[in-house]
């Protein structure tokens, strides 16, 4: 077999190995970044669920303070 053919085959094998290796590494990186984004979205969703509960507590406290203020104003 001529040396040019052997060099061509070796170059093809090297190209295939490099390409497949790059695809594998790239897909691992994409999967890792997707996992990180999913964690962030989960944290955001948890925060978004807590906001209405906090707003309700604030409203309750504000109403209580408003009632106390009205009582104090009536006494004066």
N, C-alpha and C. Protein backbone atom coordinates (compact mmCIF):
# COMPACT_ATOMS: atom_id res chain seq x y z
N UNK A 1 0.85 -1.17 0.00
CA UNK A 1 0.00 0.00 0.00
C UNK A 1 0.90 1.24 0.00
N UNK A 2 0.60 2.18 -0.88
CA UNK A 2 1.45 3.37 -0.95
C UNK A 2 1.38 4.18 0.36
N UNK A 3 2.44 4.89 0.63
CA UNK A 3 2.52 5.66 1.87
C UNK A 3 1.49 6.78 1.91
N UNK A 4 1.11 7.32 0.74
CA UNK A 4 0.12 8.38 0.71
C UNK A 4 -1.25 7.89 1.19
N UNK A 5 -1.57 6.66 0.85
CA UNK A 5 -2.84 6.07 1.28
C UNK A 5 -2.83 5.87 2.79
N UNK A 6 -1.73 5.38 3.32
CA UNK A 6 -1.60 5.16 4.77
C UNK A 6 -1.72 6.49 5.50
N UNK A 7 -1.04 7.51 4.99
CA UNK A 7 -1.13 8.83 5.61
C UNK A 7 -2.56 9.35 5.54
N UNK A 8 -3.23 9.15 4.42
CA UNK A 8 -4.62 9.58 4.26
C UNK A 8 -5.55 8.88 5.24
N UNK A 9 -5.36 7.57 5.42
CA UNK A 9 -6.18 6.80 6.36
C UNK A 9 -5.93 7.27 7.79
N UNK A 10 -4.66 7.47 8.14
CA UNK A 10 -4.32 7.95 9.48
C UNK A 10 -4.91 9.35 9.72
N UNK A 11 -4.87 10.19 8.71
CA UNK A 11 -5.44 11.53 8.83
C UNK A 11 -6.96 11.44 9.02
N UNK A 12 -7.60 10.54 8.28
CA UNK A 12 -9.04 10.34 8.42
C UNK A 12 -9.39 9.85 9.82
N UNK A 13 -8.62 8.89 10.31
CA UNK A 13 -8.86 8.36 11.67
C UNK A 13 -8.66 9.47 12.70
N UNK A 14 -7.59 10.24 12.55
CA UNK A 14 -7.34 11.35 13.47
C UNK A 14 -8.46 12.38 13.44
N UNK A 15 -8.94 12.68 12.25
CA UNK A 15 -10.04 13.65 12.11
C UNK A 15 -11.31 13.12 12.76
N UNK A 16 -11.62 11.87 12.53
CA UNK A 16 -12.82 11.28 13.12
C UNK A 16 -12.74 11.26 14.64
N UNK A 17 -11.57 10.85 15.17
CA UNK A 17 -11.40 10.80 16.63
C UNK A 17 -11.51 12.21 17.22
N UNK A 18 -10.88 13.18 16.60
CA UNK A 18 -10.94 14.56 17.09
C UNK A 18 -12.36 15.12 17.03
N UNK A 19 -13.05 14.84 15.94
CA UNK A 19 -14.41 15.33 15.80
C UNK A 19 -15.34 14.69 16.82
N UNK A 20 -15.27 13.38 16.96
CA UNK A 20 -16.12 12.70 17.94
C UNK A 20 -15.78 13.13 19.36
N UNK A 21 -14.50 13.31 19.65
CA UNK A 21 -14.11 13.79 20.98
C UNK A 21 -14.66 15.18 21.26
N UNK A 22 -14.60 16.05 20.26
CA UNK A 22 -15.14 17.40 20.42
C UNK A 22 -16.64 17.38 20.62
N UNK A 23 -17.32 16.52 19.90
CA UNK A 23 -18.78 16.42 20.06
C UNK A 23 -19.13 15.93 21.46
N UNK A 24 -18.41 14.94 21.95
CA UNK A 24 -18.68 14.40 23.29
C UNK A 24 -18.43 15.45 24.36
N UNK A 25 -17.30 16.14 24.27
CA UNK A 25 -16.98 17.17 25.26
C UNK A 25 -18.00 18.30 25.20
N UNK A 26 -18.38 18.68 24.00
CA UNK A 26 -19.35 19.75 23.84
C UNK A 26 -20.70 19.36 24.43
N UNK A 27 -21.12 18.13 24.19
CA UNK A 27 -22.42 17.70 24.72
C UNK A 27 -22.39 17.61 26.25
N UNK A 28 -21.25 17.21 26.82
CA UNK A 28 -21.13 17.19 28.28
C UNK A 28 -21.22 18.60 28.84
N UNK A 29 -20.59 19.55 28.19
CA UNK A 29 -20.64 20.94 28.65
C UNK A 29 -22.06 21.49 28.55
N UNK A 30 -22.74 21.19 27.46
CA UNK A 30 -24.12 21.66 27.29
C UNK A 30 -25.01 21.05 28.37
N UNK A 31 -24.84 19.76 28.64
CA UNK A 31 -25.63 19.10 29.69
C UNK A 31 -25.36 19.72 31.05
N UNK A 32 -24.10 20.00 31.34
CA UNK A 32 -23.75 20.62 32.62
C UNK A 32 -24.41 21.99 32.75
N UNK A 33 -24.32 22.78 31.69
CA UNK A 33 -24.92 24.12 31.74
C UNK A 33 -26.44 24.05 31.86
N UNK A 34 -27.06 23.08 31.21
CA UNK A 34 -28.50 22.91 31.34
C UNK A 34 -28.88 22.56 32.78
N UNK A 35 -28.09 21.69 33.41
CA UNK A 35 -28.36 21.34 34.81
C UNK A 35 -28.26 22.58 35.70
N UNK A 36 -27.24 23.40 35.46
CA UNK A 36 -27.07 24.61 36.25
C UNK A 36 -28.25 25.56 36.05
N UNK A 37 -28.71 25.70 34.82
CA UNK A 37 -29.85 26.57 34.54
C UNK A 37 -31.12 26.02 35.18
N UNK A 38 -31.28 24.69 35.17
CA UNK A 38 -32.44 24.10 35.81
C UNK A 38 -32.44 24.37 37.31
N UNK A 39 -31.27 24.32 37.93
CA UNK A 39 -31.17 24.64 39.36
C UNK A 39 -31.57 26.09 39.61
N UNK A 40 -31.10 26.99 38.77
CA UNK A 40 -31.43 28.40 38.93
C UNK A 40 -32.92 28.65 38.74
N UNK A 41 -33.50 27.99 37.76
CA UNK A 41 -34.94 28.14 37.52
C UNK A 41 -35.71 27.59 38.71
N UNK A 42 -35.26 26.47 39.26
CA UNK A 42 -35.90 25.91 40.44
C UNK A 42 -35.85 26.87 41.62
N UNK A 43 -34.70 27.50 41.82
CA UNK A 43 -34.57 28.48 42.89
C UNK A 43 -35.50 29.67 42.64
N UNK A 44 -35.56 30.10 41.39
CA UNK A 44 -36.43 31.23 41.05
C UNK A 44 -37.90 30.88 41.28
N UNK A 45 -38.28 29.68 40.88
CA UNK A 45 -39.67 29.26 41.07
C UNK A 45 -40.02 29.19 42.56
N UNK A 46 -39.08 28.71 43.36
CA UNK A 46 -39.31 28.66 44.80
C UNK A 46 -39.49 30.07 45.35
N UNK A 47 -38.67 30.99 44.89
CA UNK A 47 -38.78 32.38 45.33
C UNK A 47 -40.10 32.98 44.87
N UNK A 48 -40.48 32.70 43.64
CA UNK A 48 -41.73 33.23 43.09
C UNK A 48 -42.94 32.70 43.85
N UNK A 49 -42.85 31.49 44.38
CA UNK A 49 -43.95 30.93 45.14
C UNK A 49 -44.03 31.55 46.53
N UNK A 50 -42.90 31.98 47.06
CA UNK A 50 -42.88 32.55 48.41
C UNK A 50 -43.34 34.00 48.43
N UNK A 51 -43.22 34.71 47.34
CA UNK A 51 -43.57 36.14 47.30
C UNK A 51 -45.03 36.38 47.69
N UNK A 52 -46.01 35.66 47.12
CA UNK A 52 -47.40 35.93 47.53
C UNK A 52 -47.63 35.70 49.03
N UNK A 53 -46.99 34.70 49.59
CA UNK A 53 -47.14 34.45 51.03
C UNK A 53 -46.56 35.61 51.83
N UNK A 54 -45.42 36.13 51.40
CA UNK A 54 -44.84 37.28 52.09
C UNK A 54 -45.72 38.50 51.95
N UNK A 55 -46.28 38.70 50.77
CA UNK A 55 -47.17 39.85 50.57
C UNK A 55 -48.38 39.75 51.49
N UNK A 56 -48.91 38.55 51.64
CA UNK A 56 -50.07 38.37 52.51
C UNK A 56 -49.72 38.69 53.97
N UNK A 57 -48.55 38.24 54.42
CA UNK A 57 -48.12 38.55 55.78
C UNK A 57 -47.94 40.04 55.98
N UNK A 58 -47.36 40.69 54.99
CA UNK A 58 -47.15 42.14 55.08
C UNK A 58 -48.49 42.85 55.14
N UNK A 59 -49.43 42.42 54.30
CA UNK A 59 -50.76 43.03 54.32
C UNK A 59 -51.44 42.85 55.68
N UNK A 60 -51.31 41.66 56.25
CA UNK A 60 -51.91 41.41 57.56
C UNK A 60 -51.30 42.32 58.63
N UNK A 61 -49.98 42.44 58.60
CA UNK A 61 -49.32 43.31 59.58
C UNK A 61 -49.72 44.77 59.37
N UNK A 62 -49.78 45.18 58.11
CA UNK A 62 -50.17 46.56 57.82
C UNK A 62 -51.59 46.83 58.33
N UNK A 63 -52.49 45.88 58.11
CA UNK A 63 -53.86 46.04 58.60
C UNK A 63 -53.89 46.12 60.12
N UNK A 64 -53.08 45.29 60.79
CA UNK A 64 -53.03 45.32 62.25
C UNK A 64 -52.51 46.67 62.74
N UNK A 65 -51.47 47.18 62.10
CA UNK A 65 -50.93 48.48 62.48
C UNK A 65 -51.94 49.59 62.21
N UNK A 66 -52.66 49.46 61.12
CA UNK A 66 -53.67 50.45 60.78
C UNK A 66 -54.79 50.46 61.84
N UNK A 67 -55.22 49.28 62.28
CA UNK A 67 -56.24 49.20 63.33
C UNK A 67 -55.74 49.81 64.63
N UNK A 68 -54.49 49.50 64.98
CA UNK A 68 -53.92 50.07 66.22
C UNK A 68 -53.84 51.59 66.14
N UNK A 69 -53.46 52.10 64.97
CA UNK A 69 -53.37 53.54 64.80
C UNK A 69 -54.75 54.19 64.94
N UNK A 70 -55.76 53.57 64.37
CA UNK A 70 -57.12 54.11 64.50
C UNK A 70 -57.58 54.12 65.95
N UNK A 71 -57.25 53.07 66.70
CA UNK A 71 -57.60 53.03 68.12
C UNK A 71 -56.92 54.14 68.87
N UNK A 72 -55.62 54.34 68.59
CA UNK A 72 -54.89 55.42 69.26
C UNK A 72 -55.45 56.79 68.88
N UNK A 73 -55.82 56.98 67.64
CA UNK A 73 -56.39 58.25 67.22
C UNK A 73 -57.74 58.51 67.89
N UNK A 74 -58.54 57.47 68.08
CA UNK A 74 -59.84 57.61 68.74
C UNK A 74 -59.69 58.01 70.21
N UNK A 75 -58.63 57.53 70.84
CA UNK A 75 -58.40 57.84 72.26
C UNK A 75 -58.04 59.30 72.47
N UNK A 76 -57.46 59.92 71.47
CA UNK A 76 -57.00 61.31 71.65
C UNK A 76 -58.06 62.29 71.47
